């Protein structure tokens, strides 16, 4: 063996494989490794909690929006505006109940996607704009 080979000097502390090196480093640096493990645990718990809260918030907002809208069986989607009388015409073409009235209630509605910007100029997003618009409309 030449002098550059690990363990060639006869030093009893020389390590010839990776496992004893890892164990020696773990014994030497255990406080830092314990702190790193604790930090990883805190980060994992924080991310998991944030995901859970986000899912719960999304479900709550979705159920609130659906409760405000009521029961919707069908919708007419268009790239352009359509006549408000279309709801009346569709209602007349549907089957009537025993009293002669349509069995469903048709209501024309207009859905607009909007974005809100602060004074600094950063966009808050279209979802926030829609929520603000629907809150203002229901007040």
Protein backbone atom coordinates (compact mmCIF):
# COMPACT_ATOMS: atom_id res chain seq x y z
CA UNK A 1 0.00 0.00 0.00
CA UNK A 2 1.14 3.51 -0.70
CA UNK A 3 0.86 6.44 1.71
CA UNK A 4 -2.29 7.82 0.05
CA UNK A 5 -4.42 4.75 0.73
CA UNK A 6 -6.78 5.15 3.72
CA UNK A 7 -5.47 3.28 6.69
CA UNK A 8 -1.96 3.03 5.23
CA UNK A 9 -0.40 4.94 8.11
CA UNK A 10 -1.53 2.37 10.64
CA UNK A 11 -3.70 4.96 12.41
CA UNK A 12 -6.28 3.09 14.53
CA UNK A 13 -8.83 5.85 13.77
CA UNK A 14 -8.62 5.25 10.01
CA UNK A 15 -11.86 4.07 8.42
CA UNK A 16 -11.92 1.64 5.51
CA UNK A 17 -15.67 1.56 4.73
CA UNK A 18 -18.58 3.96 4.74
CA UNK A 19 -20.59 2.40 7.60
CA UNK A 20 -18.00 2.92 10.34
CA UNK A 21 -17.44 6.45 9.01
CA UNK A 22 -21.18 7.19 9.23
CA UNK A 23 -21.36 5.81 12.77
CA UNK A 24 -18.35 7.82 13.87
CA UNK A 25 -19.78 11.02 12.37
CA UNK A 26 -23.17 10.34 13.98
CA UNK A 27 -21.51 9.96 17.39
CA UNK A 28 -19.53 13.16 16.89
CA UNK A 29 -22.33 15.29 15.45
CA UNK A 30 -25.37 13.86 17.30
CA UNK A 31 -26.64 17.21 18.67
CA UNK A 32 -26.72 18.73 15.19
CA UNK A 33 -28.33 15.59 13.74
CA UNK A 34 -30.98 15.64 16.47
CA UNK A 35 -31.74 19.30 15.74
CA UNK A 36 -31.95 18.56 12.01
CA UNK A 37 -34.34 15.66 12.62
CA UNK A 38 -36.52 17.84 14.87
CA UNK A 39 -36.57 20.62 12.26
CA UNK A 40 -37.57 18.13 9.55
CA UNK A 41 -40.39 16.89 11.77
CA UNK A 42 -41.66 20.41 12.38
CA UNK A 43 -41.56 21.22 8.65
CA UNK A 44 -43.38 17.99 7.77
CA UNK A 45 -46.06 18.66 10.38
CA UNK A 46 -46.49 22.25 9.19
CA UNK A 47 -46.87 21.26 5.54
CA UNK A 48 -49.28 18.45 6.42
CA UNK A 49 -51.36 20.81 8.57
CA UNK A 50 -51.43 23.47 5.87
CA UNK A 51 -52.63 20.95 3.30
CA UNK A 52 -55.35 19.74 5.64
CA UNK A 53 -56.51 23.27 6.45
CA UNK A 54 -56.47 24.19 2.76
CA UNK A 55 -58.61 21.19 1.83
CA UNK A 56 -61.08 21.91 4.63
CA UNK A 57 -61.28 25.57 3.62
CA UNK A 58 -61.86 24.64 -0.02
CA UNK A 59 -64.66 22.21 0.92
CA UNK A 60 -66.28 24.82 3.18
CA UNK A 61 -66.18 27.54 0.53
CA UNK A 62 -67.52 25.16 -2.12
CA UNK A 63 -70.45 24.10 0.07
CA UNK A 64 -71.16 27.74 0.95
CA UNK A 65 -71.18 28.74 -2.73
CA UNK A 66 -73.43 25.81 -3.66
CA UNK A 67 -75.80 26.64 -0.79
CA UNK A 68 -76.06 30.23 -2.02
CA UNK A 69 -76.70 29.12 -5.59
CA UNK A 70 -79.29 26.53 -4.65
CA UNK A 71 -79.96 23.37 -6.61
CA UNK A 72 -78.76 23.64 -10.20
CA UNK A 73 -79.78 20.93 -12.66
CA UNK A 74 -78.54 22.51 -15.88
CA UNK A 75 -76.77 25.59 -17.15
CA UNK A 76 -76.52 27.30 -20.53
CA UNK A 77 -72.98 28.43 -21.26
CA UNK A 78 -72.13 30.89 -24.00
CA UNK A 79 -69.17 32.97 -25.12
CA UNK A 80 -71.54 35.86 -25.71
CA UNK A 81 -74.65 37.24 -24.01
CA UNK A 82 -78.03 35.64 -24.74
CA UNK A 83 -81.56 36.90 -24.36
CA UNK A 84 -83.15 36.89 -20.89
CA UNK A 85 -86.35 35.59 -22.52
CA UNK A 86 -84.50 32.35 -23.27
CA UNK A 87 -85.28 31.20 -19.71
CA UNK A 88 -88.99 31.70 -20.31
CA UNK A 89 -88.86 29.88 -23.65
CA UNK A 90 -86.98 26.94 -22.13
CA UNK A 91 -89.49 26.81 -19.26
CA UNK A 92 -92.42 26.63 -21.67
CA UNK A 93 -90.79 23.82 -23.63
CA UNK A 94 -90.36 21.67 -20.49
CA UNK A 95 -92.97 19.29 -19.14
CA UNK A 96 -95.60 20.88 -16.92
CA UNK A 97 -96.80 19.51 -13.61
CA UNK A 98 -100.46 18.77 -12.77
CA UNK A 99 -101.27 22.47 -12.28
CA UNK A 100 -99.82 23.39 -15.68
CA UNK A 101 -96.69 25.10 -14.34
CA UNK A 102 -93.17 24.02 -15.31
CA UNK A 103 -91.81 21.45 -12.86
CA UNK A 104 -88.54 23.37 -12.53
CA UNK A 105 -87.77 27.01 -11.93
CA UNK A 106 -85.56 28.71 -14.50
CA UNK A 107 -83.64 31.83 -13.58
CA UNK A 108 -81.39 33.78 -15.94
CA UNK A 109 -78.01 34.56 -14.42
CA UNK A 110 -74.79 36.20 -15.51
CA UNK A 111 -71.45 34.92 -14.24
CA UNK A 112 -68.47 37.21 -14.66
CA UNK A 113 -64.88 36.31 -13.83
CA UNK A 114 -63.03 39.28 -12.34
CA UNK A 115 -59.64 40.16 -10.91
CA UNK A 116 -58.90 42.58 -8.08
CA UNK A 117 -55.74 44.66 -7.91
CA UNK A 118 -54.36 46.47 -4.92
CA UNK A 119 -52.94 49.99 -5.01
CA UNK A 120 -49.42 48.52 -5.28
CA UNK A 121 -50.44 46.82 -8.53
CA UNK A 122 -50.18 43.16 -7.54
CA UNK A 123 -53.00 40.97 -8.85
CA UNK A 124 -55.03 39.22 -6.16
CA UNK A 125 -56.44 36.61 -8.58
CA UNK A 126 -59.72 35.96 -10.29
CA UNK A 127 -61.02 33.66 -7.53
CA UNK A 128 -60.72 36.44 -4.96
CA UNK A 129 -62.46 38.84 -7.33
CA UNK A 130 -65.33 36.41 -7.86
CA UNK A 131 -65.72 35.88 -4.12
CA UNK A 132 -65.74 39.63 -3.48
CA UNK A 133 -68.28 40.20 -6.24
CA UNK A 134 -70.65 37.51 -4.98
CA UNK A 135 -70.33 38.78 -1.39
CA UNK A 136 -71.18 42.32 -2.48
CA UNK A 137 -74.11 41.09 -4.57
CA UNK A 138 -75.66 39.15 -1.69
CA UNK A 139 -75.41 41.99 0.83
